[in-house]
Amino acid sequence: MWMFDLPEKIKRGVGEAVCAYSMIEEGDNVLVGLSGGKDSSLLLIALKHLQRVSPIRFNIEAMIVDPTGGQFDPAGLKEFCESLDVPFTHYAYPIFEIIKIRREKSPCSFCANMRRGILSGIAKDRGFRKIALGHHLTDATVTLMLNIFFSGRLHTLQPKTWQSRTQTWVIRPLIFLPEETLISAASEMDLPERGPKCPYGDDTKRKRINEILKNILEEAPQGEYSTLRALRKTLWAT
């Protein structure tokens, strides 16, 4: 079982985030949004571990919203979920084709919003109270930088967000963990990428800001943890 090999740093970071923002409660049904990448795969493993050790009883299922419209073979993801004894759903929708037709200027944002909307609608129809996504601290930091520099807003991803339209919560249990920690864990666990390859992710504002952040972290290695402390005192204050 993958969950027995999960590094302590991941267990601790997820446990702290879940407790700090009451992300999971007794009797919750949690739908984990899988992409096939390292982040969402580690998220599923971490939540399965938490389910095993926590006194709180909750259910987990996993789902991928396949943006290729069905060209992606989900067999590897299905096998991965079966190894964790987690029910798995593959839902195909032609998001990449829609992006191409519309000539979207922000394909990453459009794809993320589409997938989250589809996931939320299905969660509502199937009685899930929580939707767990694999966003991490680096995602939150980059989103904050994008909003400040390009939109003039002091805004970023939230650890826990209420969606009134679907009456569901979006939770982000990896939000206290930098991407480098997750990359290291995935390598240590020999966790393969199992998702469809994105044809639009090589030249985006998000990727360029991510590169700028890496340069900043060379000068300030603890910069993301400083950002985490600042966010917890301001935008994420409970």
C-alpha atoms as a PDB file:
ATOM      1  CA  MET A   1       0.000   0.000   0.000  1.00  0.00           C
ATOM      2  CA  TRP A   2       1.353   3.426  -0.972  1.00  0.00           C
ATOM      3  CA  MET A   3       0.142   5.075   2.213  1.00  0.00           C
ATOM      4  CA  PHE A   4       2.596   3.137   4.413  1.00  0.00           C
ATOM      5  CA  ASP A   5       5.516   4.821   2.578  1.00  0.00           C
ATOM      6  CA  LEU A   6       4.250   8.374   2.983  1.00  0.00           C
ATOM      7  CA  PRO A   7       7.005  10.655   4.394  1.00  0.00           C
ATOM      8  CA  GLU A   8       6.378  12.111   7.840  1.00  0.00           C
ATOM      9  CA  LYS A   9       6.676  15.660   6.524  1.00  0.00           C
ATOM     10  CA  ILE A  10       3.656  15.075   4.272  1.00  0.00           C
ATOM     11  CA  LYS A  11       1.615  13.450   7.048  1.00  0.00           C
ATOM     12  CA  ARG A  12       2.430  16.314   9.405  1.00  0.00           C
ATOM     13  CA  GLY A  13       1.717  19.080   6.878  1.00  0.00           C
ATOM     14  CA  VAL A  14      -1.621  17.586   5.848  1.00  0.00           C
ATOM     15  CA  GLY A  15      -2.617  16.896   9.448  1.00  0.00           C
ATOM     16  CA  GLU A  16      -1.845  20.481  10.489  1.00  0.00           C
ATOM     17  CA  ALA A  17      -3.819  21.979   7.597  1.00  0.00           C
ATOM     18  CA  VAL A  18      -6.825  19.705   8.107  1.00  0.00           C
ATOM     19  CA  CYS A  19      -6.945  20.529  11.825  1.00  0.00           C
ATOM     20  CA  ALA A  20      -6.282  24.270  11.430  1.00  0.00           C
ATOM     21  CA  TYR A  21      -9.233  24.771   9.094  1.00  0.00           C
ATOM     22  CA  SER A  22     -11.556  21.925  10.155  1.00  0.00           C
ATOM     23  CA  MET A  23     -11.369  20.553   6.630  1.00  0.00           C
ATOM     24  CA  ILE A  24     -12.815  17.123   7.419  1.00  0.00           C
ATOM     25  CA  GLU A  25     -15.575  16.351   9.898  1.00  0.00           C
ATOM     26  CA  GLU A  26     -17.339  13.270  11.193  1.00  0.00           C
ATOM     27  CA  GLY A  27     -19.336  11.509   8.493  1.00  0.00           C
ATOM     28  CA  ASP A  28     -17.997  13.579   5.583  1.00  0.00           C
ATOM     29  CA  ASN A  29     -18.024  12.224   2.056  1.00  0.00           C
ATOM     30  CA  VAL A  30     -14.869  13.541   0.362  1.00  0.00           C
ATOM     31  CA  LEU A  31     -14.396  13.547  -3.409  1.00  0.00           C
ATOM     32  CA  VAL A  32     -10.717  13.854  -4.360  1.00  0.00           C
ATOM     33  CA  GLY A  33     -10.050  15.528  -7.692  1.00  0.00           C
ATOM     34  CA  LEU A  34      -7.297  13.571  -9.415  1.00  0.00           C
ATOM     35  CA  SER A  35      -5.206  14.846 -12.307  1.00  0.00           C
ATOM     36  CA  GLY A  36      -2.760  11.948 -12.432  1.00  0.00           C
ATOM     37  CA  GLY A  37       0.101  14.211 -11.336  1.00  0.00           C
ATOM     38  CA  LYS A  38       2.205  13.959  -8.200  1.00  0.00           C
ATOM     39  CA  ASP A  39       0.212  16.510  -6.180  1.00  0.00           C
ATOM     40  CA  SER A  40      -3.240  14.945  -6.390  1.00  0.00           C
ATOM     41  CA  SER A  41      -1.785  11.426  -6.098  1.00  0.00           C
ATOM     42  CA  LEU A  42       0.030  12.369  -2.884  1.00  0.00           C
ATOM     43  CA  LEU A  43      -3.147  14.049  -1.663  1.00  0.00           C
ATOM     44  CA  LEU A  44      -5.136  10.851  -2.118  1.00  0.00           C
ATOM     45  CA  ILE A  45      -2.477   8.792  -0.339  1.00  0.00           C
ATOM     46  CA  ALA A  46      -2.327  11.314   2.523  1.00  0.00           C
ATOM     47  CA  LEU A  47      -6.113  11.353   2.967  1.00  0.00           C
ATOM     48  CA  LYS A  48      -6.218   7.567   2.908  1.00  0.00           C
ATOM     49  CA  HIS A  49      -3.565   7.536   5.637  1.00  0.00           C
ATOM     50  CA  LEU A  50      -5.549  10.112   7.618  1.00  0.00           C
ATOM     51  CA  GLN A  51      -8.684   8.006   7.252  1.00  0.00           C
ATOM     52  CA  ARG A  52      -6.801   5.041   8.693  1.00  0.00           C
ATOM     53  CA  VAL A  53      -5.340   6.825  11.749  1.00  0.00           C
ATOM     54  CA  SER A  54      -7.939   9.501  12.556  1.00  0.00           C
ATOM     55  CA  PRO A  55     -10.743   8.989  15.096  1.00  0.00           C
ATOM     56  CA  ILE A  56     -12.954  10.934  12.668  1.00  0.00           C
ATOM     57  CA  ARG A  57     -14.842   8.651  10.307  1.00  0.00           C
ATOM     58  CA  PHE A  58     -15.149   9.836   6.724  1.00  0.00           C
ATOM     59  CA  ASN A  59     -15.436   8.354   3.238  1.00  0.00           C
ATOM     60  CA  ILE A  60     -13.168   8.958   0.237  1.00  0.00           C
ATOM     61  CA  GLU A  61     -13.731   8.595  -3.479  1.00  0.00           C
ATOM     62  CA  ALA A  62     -11.567   9.807  -6.364  1.00  0.00           C
ATOM     63  CA  MET A  63     -12.421  11.232  -9.755  1.00  0.00           C
ATOM     64  CA  ILE A  64     -10.570  12.596 -12.775  1.00  0.00           C
ATOM     65  CA  VAL A  65     -12.208  15.105 -15.094  1.00  0.00           C
ATOM     66  CA  ASP A  66     -10.386  14.091 -18.274  1.00  0.00           C
ATOM     67  CA  PRO A  67      -9.819  17.258 -20.378  1.00  0.00           C
ATOM     68  CA  THR A  68      -8.909  15.255 -23.490  1.00  0.00           C
ATOM     69  CA  GLY A  69     -12.537  14.253 -23.967  1.00  0.00           C
ATOM     70  CA  GLY A  70     -11.756  10.553 -23.658  1.00  0.00           C
ATOM     71  CA  GLN A  71      -8.421  10.163 -25.448  1.00  0.00           C
ATOM     72  CA  PHE A  72      -6.667   9.520 -22.140  1.00  0.00           C
ATOM     73  CA  ASP A  73      -6.504   5.920 -20.876  1.00  0.00           C
ATOM     74  CA  PRO A  74      -7.345   5.960 -17.133  1.00  0.00           C
ATOM     75  CA  ALA A  75      -6.246   2.359 -16.479  1.00  0.00           C
ATOM     76  CA  GLY A  76      -3.170   3.422 -14.486  1.00  0.00           C
ATOM     77  CA  LEU A  77      -5.178   5.758 -12.271  1.00  0.00           C
ATOM     78  CA  LYS A  78      -7.854   3.137 -11.749  1.00  0.00           C
ATOM     79  CA  GLU A  79      -5.223   0.604 -10.663  1.00  0.00           C
ATOM     80  CA  PHE A  80      -3.665   3.185  -8.340  1.00  0.00           C
ATOM     81  CA  CYS A  81      -7.021   3.867  -6.660  1.00  0.00           C
ATOM     82  CA  GLU A  82      -7.767   0.157  -6.375  1.00  0.00           C
ATOM     83  CA  SER A  83      -4.442  -0.313  -4.568  1.00  0.00           C
ATOM     84  CA  LEU A  84      -5.704   2.188  -1.975  1.00  0.00           C
ATOM     85  CA  ASP A  85      -9.206   0.685  -1.882  1.00  0.00           C
ATOM     86  CA  VAL A  86     -10.670   3.978  -3.127  1.00  0.00           C
ATOM     87  CA  PRO A  87     -13.592   4.022  -5.619  1.00  0.00           C
ATOM     88  CA  PHE A  88     -12.587   5.762  -8.869  1.00  0.00           C
ATOM     89  CA  THR A  89     -14.564   7.606 -11.554  1.00  0.00           C
ATOM     90  CA  HIS A  90     -13.324   8.723 -14.978  1.00  0.00           C
ATOM     91  CA  TYR A  91     -15.345  11.593 -16.493  1.00  0.00           C
ATOM     92  CA  ALA A  92     -14.322  12.737 -19.979  1.00  0.00           C
ATOM     93  CA  TYR A  93     -15.008  16.254 -21.240  1.00  0.00           C
ATOM     94  CA  PRO A  94     -13.313  17.942 -24.270  1.00  0.00           C
ATOM     95  CA  ILE A  95     -11.819  20.920 -22.414  1.00  0.00           C
ATOM     96  CA  PHE A  96      -8.633  21.006 -24.501  1.00  0.00           C
ATOM     97  CA  GLU A  97     -10.706  21.120 -27.695  1.00  0.00           C
ATOM     98  CA  ILE A  98     -12.849  23.949 -26.303  1.00  0.00           C
ATOM     99  CA  ILE A  99      -9.690  25.909 -25.406  1.00  0.00           C
ATOM    100  CA  LYS A 100      -8.434  25.430 -28.967  1.00  0.00           C
ATOM    101  CA  ILE A 101     -11.732  26.553 -30.541  1.00  0.00           C
ATOM    102  CA  ARG A 102     -12.050  29.588 -28.267  1.00  0.00           C
ATOM    103  CA  ARG A 103      -8.343  30.458 -28.589  1.00  0.00           C
ATOM    104  CA  GLU A 104      -8.266  31.005 -24.858  1.00  0.00           C
ATOM    105  CA  LYS A 105      -5.629  33.475 -23.697  1.00  0.00           C
ATOM    106  CA  SER A 106      -5.548  31.922 -20.200  1.00  0.00           C
ATOM    107  CA  PRO A 107      -5.846  28.183 -20.897  1.00  0.00           C
ATOM    108  CA  CYS A 108      -4.671  27.066 -17.444  1.00  0.00           C
ATOM    109  CA  SER A 109      -7.214  29.194 -15.612  1.00  0.00           C
ATOM    110  CA  PHE A 110      -9.995  28.208 -18.014  1.00  0.00           C
ATOM    111  CA  CYS A 111      -9.184  24.491 -17.706  1.00  0.00           C
ATOM    112  CA  ALA A 112      -8.954  24.641 -13.911  1.00  0.00           C
ATOM    113  CA  ASN A 113     -12.289  26.462 -13.633  1.00  0.00           C
ATOM    114  CA  MET A 114     -13.976  24.046 -16.031  1.00  0.00           C
ATOM    115  CA  ARG A 115     -12.684  20.969 -14.223  1.00  0.00           C
ATOM    116  CA  ARG A 116     -13.599  22.381 -10.820  1.00  0.00           C
ATOM    117  CA  GLY A 117     -17.083  23.294 -12.023  1.00  0.00           C
ATOM    118  CA  ILE A 118     -17.703  19.825 -13.441  1.00  0.00           C
ATOM    119  CA  LEU A 119     -16.309  18.197 -10.312  1.00  0.00           C
ATOM    120  CA  SER A 120     -18.488  20.374  -8.076  1.00  0.00           C
ATOM    121  CA  GLY A 121     -21.638  19.628 -10.035  1.00  0.00           C
ATOM    122  CA  ILE A 122     -21.036  15.889  -9.877  1.00  0.00           C
ATOM    123  CA  ALA A 123     -20.161  16.118  -6.183  1.00  0.00           C
ATOM    124  CA  LYS A 124     -23.477  17.843  -5.492  1.00  0.00           C
ATOM    125  CA  ASP A 125     -25.451  15.253  -7.495  1.00  0.00           C
ATOM    126  CA  ARG A 126     -23.735  12.371  -5.707  1.00  0.00           C
ATOM    127  CA  GLY A 127     -23.997  13.729  -2.181  1.00  0.00           C
ATOM    128  CA  PHE A 128     -20.403  14.750  -1.486  1.00  0.00           C
ATOM    129  CA  ARG A 129     -19.972  17.501   1.099  1.00  0.00           C
ATOM    130  CA  LYS A 130     -16.242  18.099   0.478  1.00  0.00           C
ATOM    131  CA  ILE A 131     -14.081  18.292  -2.663  1.00  0.00           C
ATOM    132  CA  ALA A 132     -10.351  17.871  -2.019  1.00  0.00           C
ATOM    133  CA  LEU A 133      -7.913  19.456  -4.492  1.00  0.00           C
ATOM    134  CA  GLY A 134      -4.142  19.061  -4.715  1.00  0.00           C
ATOM    135  CA  HIS A 135      -3.079  22.719  -4.579  1.00  0.00           C
ATOM    136  CA  HIS A 136       0.011  23.327  -2.460  1.00  0.00           C
ATOM    137  CA  LEU A 137       1.834  26.284  -0.884  1.00  0.00           C
ATOM    138  CA  THR A 138       3.742  27.096  -4.077  1.00  0.00           C
ATOM    139  CA  ASP A 139       0.462  27.254  -6.009  1.00  0.00           C
ATOM    140  CA  ALA A 140      -0.901  29.676  -3.398  1.00  0.00           C
ATOM    141  CA  THR A 141       2.264  31.809  -3.497  1.00  0.00           C
ATOM    142  CA  VAL A 142       2.309  32.012  -7.293  1.00  0.00           C
ATOM    143  CA  THR A 143      -1.425  32.806  -7.371  1.00  0.00           C
ATOM    144  CA  LEU A 144      -0.838  35.617  -4.851  1.00  0.00           C
ATOM    145  CA  MET A 145       1.960  37.046  -7.013  1.00  0.00           C
ATOM    146  CA  LEU A 146      -0.166  36.811 -10.176  1.00  0.00           C
ATOM    147  CA  ASN A 147      -3.062  38.624  -8.523  1.00  0.00           C
ATOM    148  CA  ILE A 148      -0.864  41.384  -7.096  1.00  0.00           C
ATOM    149  CA  PHE A 149       1.114  42.025 -10.287  1.00  0.00           C
ATOM    150  CA  PHE A 150      -1.586  41.548 -12.920  1.00  0.00           C
ATOM    151  CA  SER A 151      -4.906  42.238 -11.167  1.00  0.00           C
ATOM    152  CA  GLY A 152      -4.027  44.584  -8.316  1.00  0.00           C
ATOM    153  CA  ARG A 153      -5.706  42.237  -5.822  1.00  0.00           C
ATOM    154  CA  LEU A 154      -4.454  40.813  -2.545  1.00  0.00           C
ATOM    155  CA  HIS A 155      -5.990  37.402  -3.148  1.00  0.00           C
ATOM    156  CA  THR A 156      -4.947  33.765  -3.426  1.00  0.00           C
ATOM    157  CA  LEU A 157      -6.183  30.185  -3.044  1.00  0.00           C
ATOM    158  CA  GLN A 158      -7.919  29.501   0.261  1.00  0.00           C
ATOM    159  CA  PRO A 159      -7.396  26.403   2.427  1.00  0.00           C
ATOM    160  CA  LYS A 160     -11.177  25.950   2.589  1.00  0.00           C
ATOM    161  CA  THR A 161     -13.783  27.590   0.337  1.00  0.00           C
ATOM    162  CA  TRP A 162     -17.583  27.415   0.448  1.00  0.00           C
ATOM    163  CA  GLN A 163     -19.343  27.035  -2.920  1.00  0.00           C
ATOM    164  CA  SER A 164     -22.882  28.265  -2.483  1.00  0.00           C
ATOM    165  CA  ARG A 165     -24.073  27.155  -5.929  1.00  0.00           C
ATOM    166  CA  THR A 166     -23.306  23.487  -5.288  1.00  0.00           C
ATOM    167  CA  GLN A 167     -23.473  23.627  -1.475  1.00  0.00           C
ATOM    168  CA  THR A 168     -20.024  22.022  -1.215  1.00  0.00           C
ATOM    169  CA  TRP A 169     -16.705  22.891   0.406  1.00  0.00           C
ATOM    170  CA  VAL A 170     -13.446  22.902  -1.549  1.00  0.00           C
ATOM    171  CA  ILE A 171     -10.574  21.866   0.722  1.00  0.00           C
ATOM    172  CA  ARG A 172      -6.829  21.968   0.019  1.00  0.00           C
ATOM    173  CA  PRO A 173      -5.036  19.723   2.551  1.00  0.00           C
ATOM    174  CA  LEU A 174      -1.602  20.200   0.874  1.00  0.00           C
ATOM    175  CA  ILE A 175      -1.746  23.998   1.258  1.00  0.00           C
ATOM    176  CA  PHE A 176       0.975  24.129   3.950  1.00  0.00           C
ATOM    177  CA  LEU A 177       3.487  22.158   1.824  1.00  0.00           C
ATOM    178  CA  PRO A 178       5.865  23.672  -0.791  1.00  0.00           C
ATOM    179  CA  GLU A 179       6.079  22.010  -4.188  1.00  0.00           C
ATOM    180  CA  GLU A 180       9.689  20.962  -3.585  1.00  0.00           C
ATOM    181  CA  THR A 181       8.591  18.884  -0.594  1.00  0.00           C
ATOM    182  CA  LEU A 182       6.022  17.098  -2.757  1.00  0.00           C
ATOM    183  CA  ILE A 183       8.510  16.539  -5.584  1.00  0.00           C
ATOM    184  CA  SER A 184      10.944  15.018  -3.087  1.00  0.00           C
ATOM    185  CA  ALA A 185       8.231  12.780  -1.610  1.00  0.00           C
ATOM    186  CA  ALA A 186       7.046  11.612  -5.040  1.00  0.00           C
ATOM    187  CA  SER A 187      10.635  10.752  -5.984  1.00  0.00           C
ATOM    188  CA  GLU A 188      11.250   8.976  -2.692  1.00  0.00           C
ATOM    189  CA  MET A 189       8.084   6.913  -3.193  1.00  0.00           C
ATOM    190  CA  ASP A 190       8.809   6.323  -6.899  1.00  0.00           C
ATOM    191  CA  LEU A 191       5.380   7.737  -7.676  1.00  0.00           C
ATOM    192  CA  PRO A 192       4.820   7.922 -11.455  1.00  0.00           C
ATOM    193  CA  GLU A 193       2.852  10.535 -13.396  1.00  0.00           C
ATOM    194  CA  ARG A 194      -0.383   8.942 -14.581  1.00  0.00           C
ATOM    195  CA  GLY A 195      -2.378  11.820 -16.058  1.00  0.00           C
ATOM    196  CA  PRO A 196      -2.905  13.296 -19.524  1.00  0.00           C
ATOM    197  CA  LYS A 197      -0.201  15.695 -20.723  1.00  0.00           C
ATOM    198  CA  CYS A 198      -1.290  19.317 -20.958  1.00  0.00           C
ATOM    199  CA  PRO A 199      -0.499  20.899 -24.363  1.00  0.00           C
ATOM    200  CA  TYR A 200      -0.859  24.445 -23.014  1.00  0.00           C
ATOM    201  CA  GLY A 201       1.323  24.589 -19.897  1.00  0.00           C
ATOM    202  CA  ASP A 202       4.724  25.460 -21.385  1.00  0.00           C
ATOM    203  CA  ASP A 203       4.224  29.197 -21.975  1.00  0.00           C
ATOM    204  CA  THR A 204       1.907  30.767 -19.410  1.00  0.00           C
ATOM    205  CA  LYS A 205       2.069  33.650 -16.943  1.00  0.00           C
ATOM    206  CA  ARG A 206       1.846  31.111 -14.133  1.00  0.00           C
ATOM    207  CA  LYS A 207       4.905  29.235 -15.341  1.00  0.00           C
ATOM    208  CA  ARG A 208       6.890  32.454 -15.775  1.00  0.00           C
ATOM    209  CA  ILE A 209       5.955  33.661 -12.273  1.00  0.00           C
ATOM    210  CA  ASN A 210       6.910  30.226 -10.951  1.00  0.00           C
ATOM    211  CA  GLU A 211      10.387  30.683 -12.447  1.00  0.00           C
ATOM    212  CA  ILE A 212      10.658  34.132 -10.828  1.00  0.00           C
ATOM    213  CA  LEU A 213       9.692  32.581  -7.485  1.00  0.00           C
ATOM    214  CA  LYS A 214      12.437  29.975  -7.851  1.00  0.00           C
ATOM    215  CA  ASN A 215      14.984  32.756  -8.356  1.00  0.00           C
ATOM    216  CA  ILE A 216      13.697  34.560  -5.259  1.00  0.00           C
ATOM    217  CA  LEU A 217      13.961  31.353  -3.213  1.00  0.00           C
ATOM    218  CA  GLU A 218      17.633  31.055  -4.122  1.00  0.00           C
ATOM    219  CA  GLU A 219      18.149  34.289  -2.167  1.00  0.00           C
ATOM    220  CA  ALA A 220      15.538  33.491   0.500  1.00  0.00           C
ATOM    221  CA  PRO A 221      15.297  29.671   0.922  1.00  0.00           C
ATOM    222  CA  GLN A 222      12.684  30.024   3.681  1.00  0.00           C
ATOM    223  CA  GLY A 223      10.625  32.463   1.627  1.00  0.00           C
ATOM    224  CA  GLU A 224       7.628  30.188   1.108  1.00  0.00           C
ATOM    225  CA  TYR A 225       7.387  29.419   4.822  1.00  0.00           C
ATOM    226  CA  SER A 226       7.534  33.157   5.507  1.00  0.00           C
ATOM    227  CA  THR A 227       4.707  33.568   2.995  1.00  0.00           C
ATOM    228  CA  LEU A 228       2.785  30.825   4.795  1.00  0.00           C
ATOM    229  CA  ARG A 229       3.125  32.656   8.127  1.00  0.00           C
ATOM    230  CA  ALA A 230       1.978  35.908   6.524  1.00  0.00           C
ATOM    231  CA  LEU A 231      -1.018  34.237   4.856  1.00  0.00           C
ATOM    232  CA  ARG A 232      -2.090  32.563   8.089  1.00  0.00           C
ATOM    233  CA  LYS A 233      -2.041  35.949   9.838  1.00  0.00           C
ATOM    234  CA  THR A 234      -3.951  37.763   7.084  1.00  0.00           C
ATOM    235  CA  LEU A 235      -5.792  36.132   4.163  1.00  0.00           C
ATOM    236  CA  TRP A 236      -6.110  32.746   5.893  1.00  0.00           C
ATOM    237  CA  ALA A 237      -6.810  33.950   9.427  1.00  0.00           C
ATOM    238  CA  THR A 238      -9.318  31.722  11.214  1.00  0.00           C
END
